[in-house]
Amino acid sequence: MTTGILAVDIGGSGLKAAVIDDTGTRISKRVRVPTPQPCPPGVLVDKVARMAAKLEGYDRISIGFPGVIRQQRVLTAVNLGSKEWIGFPLAQVLGERLGCPARMINDADMQGYGLVRGSGLEFVMTLGTGVGTALFRDGELMPHLELAHHPIDGERTYEEYLGGAALLSVGKKRWNRRLLKALALIDILLKPDHVFLGGGNAREIAIELPAHASVGSNAAGISGGAALWRDWDAVRS
């Protein structure tokens, strides 16, 4: 009897998938391929289906998607380079393709479920091709914050200020100073009890973080997928 969850973490630069159990523990190898650019829905579904063919032992799917999700449809997909995403029911289409039920939330929200401790106000920021954010109160996911596309410096958004292109443009030292500024603004805005930093570019952090901030495991983008089948009434997007 198969009881695993195929967790899919969709990023602007990489697509990752693995099978996890109901606690979020990985029970298979992890498969990763580069994200095509551009990456319209049909291309992504084909890529994920080929990744899933290398895995077994799952009967449900959890998807972390880099954009706003509403009623299981994609509202934004800035880093995938295709307008075809708007309104696309990815979970339904992928579930039908792979023959099992699927659920989807924002990728930072899914990673947050793999990071937060469940106590107080916890803020998650993922640093990669783009910037993702999620907010939890006592372990419960709050309405999604698309802070990445909010201005932080003049007309520049958090994503333009801290995303992968900004890191390449201004260099590691200046990018780290920018991160400190962003964390100070988040403290003013939210007063979080703890801030978790994740994503591929979290490895570029070379500053002393505030006492209430820490770098979390990037594996949380996969392990957080268990929450979509454990706490769906609270998670639902």
Protein backbone atom coordinates (compact mmCIF):
# COMPACT_ATOMS: atom_id res chain seq x y z
CA MET A 1 0.00 0.00 0.00
CA THR A 2 1.47 3.34 -1.08
CA THR A 3 1.14 6.11 1.47
CA GLY A 4 3.85 8.60 0.49
CA ILE A 5 3.49 12.16 -0.75
CA LEU A 6 5.23 13.36 -3.90
CA ALA A 7 6.47 16.82 -2.87
CA VAL A 8 7.35 19.15 -5.73
CA ASP A 9 9.25 22.39 -5.11
CA ILE A 10 9.09 24.68 -8.16
CA GLY A 11 11.77 27.34 -8.26
CA GLY A 12 12.83 29.92 -10.79
CA SER A 13 16.12 28.11 -11.39
CA GLY A 14 15.40 24.52 -10.34
CA LEU A 15 12.59 21.96 -10.06
CA LYS A 16 12.94 19.54 -7.13
CA ALA A 17 10.88 16.50 -6.20
CA ALA A 18 11.01 13.71 -3.63
CA VAL A 19 8.65 11.35 -1.81
CA ILE A 20 8.02 12.15 1.86
CA ASP A 21 5.97 10.54 4.60
CA ASP A 22 3.22 12.22 6.63
CA THR A 23 5.77 13.82 8.95
CA GLY A 24 7.72 15.38 6.07
CA THR A 25 10.62 12.95 6.31
CA ARG A 26 12.11 12.14 2.92
CA ILE A 27 11.73 8.45 2.00
CA SER A 28 13.15 8.59 -1.53
CA LYS A 29 16.02 10.14 -3.39
CA ARG A 30 15.64 13.78 -4.41
CA VAL A 31 15.37 14.56 -8.12
CA ARG A 32 16.39 18.00 -9.42
CA VAL A 33 16.43 19.49 -12.93
CA PRO A 34 16.94 23.08 -14.12
CA THR A 35 13.81 25.15 -14.66
CA PRO A 36 13.36 25.90 -18.38
CA GLN A 37 13.16 29.56 -19.32
CA PRO A 38 10.56 30.42 -20.30
CA CYS A 39 8.53 27.71 -18.60
CA PRO A 40 4.87 27.62 -19.71
CA PRO A 41 2.47 25.22 -18.00
CA GLY A 42 2.76 22.38 -20.53
CA VAL A 43 6.54 22.37 -20.33
CA LEU A 44 6.54 22.31 -16.53
CA VAL A 45 3.95 19.54 -16.31
CA ASP A 46 6.01 17.43 -18.72
CA LYS A 47 9.20 18.07 -16.72
CA VAL A 48 7.59 17.16 -13.40
CA ALA A 49 5.98 14.04 -14.88
CA ARG A 50 9.41 12.86 -16.07
CA MET A 51 10.83 13.55 -12.60
CA ALA A 52 7.98 11.65 -10.95
CA ALA A 53 8.64 8.65 -13.20
CA LYS A 54 11.96 8.23 -11.36
CA LEU A 55 10.18 8.01 -8.00
CA GLU A 56 7.66 5.59 -6.50
CA GLY A 57 5.62 4.92 -3.39
CA TYR A 58 3.33 7.96 -3.44
CA ASP A 59 -0.43 8.35 -3.69
CA ARG A 60 -0.75 12.13 -3.20
CA ILE A 61 1.03 15.22 -4.52
CA SER A 62 2.01 18.49 -2.82
CA ILE A 63 3.19 21.40 -4.96
CA GLY A 64 5.01 24.54 -3.85
CA PHE A 65 4.60 27.15 -6.61
CA PRO A 66 6.48 30.49 -6.95
CA GLY A 67 3.51 32.81 -7.15
CA VAL A 68 0.13 33.71 -5.71
CA ILE A 69 -2.34 30.82 -5.51
CA ARG A 70 -6.08 31.32 -5.08
CA GLN A 71 -8.66 28.54 -5.10
CA GLN A 72 -5.98 26.19 -6.48
CA ARG A 73 -5.34 28.38 -9.52
CA VAL A 74 -2.20 30.36 -10.30
CA LEU A 75 -2.63 34.14 -10.15
CA THR A 76 1.00 35.17 -10.67
CA ALA A 77 4.13 33.44 -11.99
CA VAL A 78 6.65 36.23 -12.49
CA ASN A 79 9.78 34.06 -12.60
CA LEU A 80 8.47 31.46 -15.04
CA GLY A 81 8.25 33.85 -17.97
CA SER A 82 4.83 32.92 -19.40
CA LYS A 83 1.44 34.63 -19.27
CA GLU A 84 -0.17 31.23 -19.85
CA TRP A 85 0.11 30.59 -16.10
CA ILE A 86 -2.58 33.08 -15.12
CA GLY A 87 -5.61 31.11 -13.96
CA PHE A 88 -3.94 27.74 -14.62
CA PRO A 89 -5.12 24.87 -12.34
CA LEU A 90 -1.70 23.22 -11.96
CA ALA A 91 -2.64 20.85 -9.14
CA GLN A 92 -5.63 19.51 -11.06
CA VAL A 93 -3.68 19.06 -14.30
CA LEU A 94 -0.66 17.42 -12.67
CA GLY A 95 -2.87 15.19 -10.54
CA GLU A 96 -4.72 13.99 -13.62
CA ARG A 97 -1.42 13.40 -15.42
CA LEU A 98 0.04 11.33 -12.56
CA GLY A 99 -3.20 9.64 -11.51
CA CYS A 100 -3.52 10.82 -7.91
CA PRO A 101 -4.90 13.83 -6.00
CA ALA A 102 -2.74 16.96 -5.82
CA ARG A 103 -2.75 20.16 -3.75
CA MET A 104 -0.81 23.38 -4.23
CA ILE A 105 0.30 26.40 -2.21
CA ASN A 106 2.88 29.14 -2.61
CA ASP A 107 6.43 27.77 -2.43
CA ALA A 108 7.52 30.03 0.46
CA ASP A 109 4.41 28.98 2.41
CA MET A 110 5.27 25.32 1.82
CA GLN A 111 8.89 25.85 2.84
CA GLY A 112 7.68 27.70 5.92
CA TYR A 113 5.75 24.65 7.07
CA GLY A 114 9.05 22.78 7.04
CA LEU A 115 10.82 25.48 9.06
CA VAL A 116 8.57 27.05 11.67
CA ARG A 117 8.51 25.90 15.28
CA GLY A 118 4.82 26.62 15.88
CA SER A 119 5.22 29.27 18.56
CA GLY A 120 4.60 33.00 18.24
CA LEU A 121 4.81 35.08 15.06
CA GLU A 122 7.27 33.48 12.63
CA PHE A 123 8.31 35.04 9.32
CA VAL A 124 9.92 33.15 6.45
CA MET A 125 11.91 34.73 3.61
CA THR A 126 13.28 32.63 0.77
CA LEU A 127 16.17 34.04 -1.25
CA GLY A 128 16.67 32.63 -4.72
CA THR A 129 15.88 33.68 -8.27
CA GLY A 130 13.12 35.68 -6.64
CA VAL A 131 12.16 36.44 -3.06
CA GLY A 132 9.38 34.56 -1.26
CA THR A 133 7.71 35.36 2.03
CA ALA A 134 5.38 33.58 4.43
CA LEU A 135 3.95 34.43 7.84
CA PHE A 136 2.83 32.00 10.57
CA ARG A 137 1.19 32.58 13.95
CA ASP A 138 1.52 29.72 16.43
CA GLY A 139 2.14 27.39 13.50
CA GLU A 140 -0.91 28.54 11.54
CA LEU A 141 -0.33 29.99 8.08
CA MET A 142 -1.54 33.56 7.75
CA PRO A 143 -2.95 35.02 4.49
CA HIS A 144 -0.19 34.98 1.90
CA LEU A 145 2.13 38.01 1.79
CA GLU A 146 3.54 38.73 -1.68
CA LEU A 147 6.09 41.08 -0.15
CA ALA A 148 8.51 40.37 -3.01
CA HIS A 149 6.65 42.78 -5.26
CA HIS A 150 6.30 45.57 -2.69
CA PRO A 151 8.70 48.55 -2.95
CA ILE A 152 11.65 48.61 -0.55
CA ASP A 153 14.03 51.13 -2.14
CA GLY A 154 12.42 53.85 -4.24
CA GLU A 155 10.49 51.97 -6.88
CA ARG A 156 12.59 48.82 -6.53
CA THR A 157 10.78 45.86 -5.04
CA TYR A 158 12.19 43.33 -2.58
CA GLU A 159 12.71 40.97 -5.52
CA GLU A 160 14.61 43.57 -7.54
CA TYR A 161 16.61 44.51 -4.43
CA LEU A 162 17.43 41.01 -3.13
CA GLY A 163 16.71 38.51 -5.91
CA GLY A 164 19.27 36.49 -7.80
CA ALA A 165 19.84 39.17 -10.44
CA ALA A 166 20.57 41.75 -7.74
CA LEU A 167 23.13 39.46 -6.09
CA LEU A 168 24.98 39.07 -9.39
CA SER A 169 24.74 42.78 -10.13
CA VAL A 170 25.89 44.34 -6.84
CA GLY A 171 28.03 41.56 -5.38
CA LYS A 172 27.86 39.55 -2.17
CA LYS A 173 29.02 42.27 0.25
CA ARG A 174 26.50 44.88 -0.87
CA TRP A 175 23.74 42.27 -1.19
CA ASN A 176 24.29 41.30 2.46
CA ARG A 177 23.93 44.93 3.51
CA ARG A 178 20.68 45.06 1.59
CA LEU A 179 19.49 41.95 3.43
CA LEU A 180 20.12 43.64 6.79
CA LYS A 181 18.06 46.62 5.67
CA ALA A 182 15.22 44.33 4.59
CA LEU A 183 15.26 42.49 7.93
CA ALA A 184 15.13 45.82 9.79
CA LEU A 185 12.08 46.87 7.78
CA ILE A 186 10.37 43.54 8.42
CA ASP A 187 10.95 44.04 12.13
CA ILE A 188 9.26 47.46 11.90
CA LEU A 189 6.37 46.04 9.90
CA LEU A 190 5.68 42.77 11.75
CA LYS A 191 7.79 42.50 14.93
CA PRO A 192 8.23 38.74 14.31
CA ASP A 193 9.40 36.51 17.14
CA HIS A 194 11.62 34.66 14.69
CA VAL A 195 12.73 35.05 11.07
CA PHE A 196 13.78 32.03 9.00
CA LEU A 197 15.86 32.59 5.87
CA GLY A 198 15.88 29.93 3.17
CA GLY A 199 16.33 29.44 -0.56
CA GLY A 200 19.44 28.76 -2.58
CA ASN A 201 20.99 32.17 -2.01
CA ALA A 202 20.78 31.86 1.77
CA ARG A 203 24.19 30.22 1.46
CA GLU A 204 25.54 33.65 0.41
CA ILE A 205 24.70 35.20 3.79
CA ALA A 206 27.95 36.45 5.29
CA ILE A 207 26.76 38.80 8.03
CA GLU A 208 25.90 38.41 11.66
CA LEU A 209 22.15 38.02 11.68
CA PRO A 210 19.91 39.49 14.39
CA ALA A 211 19.44 37.17 17.36
CA HIS A 212 15.90 36.31 16.29
CA ALA A 213 16.89 35.34 12.72
CA SER A 214 18.44 32.13 11.41
CA VAL A 215 19.15 30.26 8.18
CA GLY A 216 16.93 27.21 7.73
CA SER A 217 17.45 24.03 5.76
CA ASN A 218 16.62 24.28 2.07
CA ALA A 219 15.18 20.75 2.35
CA ALA A 220 12.16 22.40 4.00
CA GLY A 221 10.83 23.23 0.53
CA ILE A 222 10.15 19.50 0.19
CA SER A 223 9.39 18.49 3.80
CA GLY A 224 6.77 21.22 4.18
CA GLY A 225 4.61 19.41 1.64
CA ALA A 226 3.32 17.10 4.38
CA ALA A 227 1.25 19.97 5.79
CA LEU A 228 -0.95 20.08 2.69
CA TRP A 229 -2.37 16.67 3.65
CA ARG A 230 -2.17 17.08 7.43
CA ASP A 231 -3.71 20.54 7.91
CA TRP A 232 -5.52 21.29 4.66
CA ASP A 233 -8.39 23.20 6.26
CA ALA A 234 -5.84 25.67 7.66
CA VAL A 235 -3.50 25.60 4.65
CA ARG A 236 -6.04 25.88 1.86
CA SER A 237 -5.25 28.50 -0.80
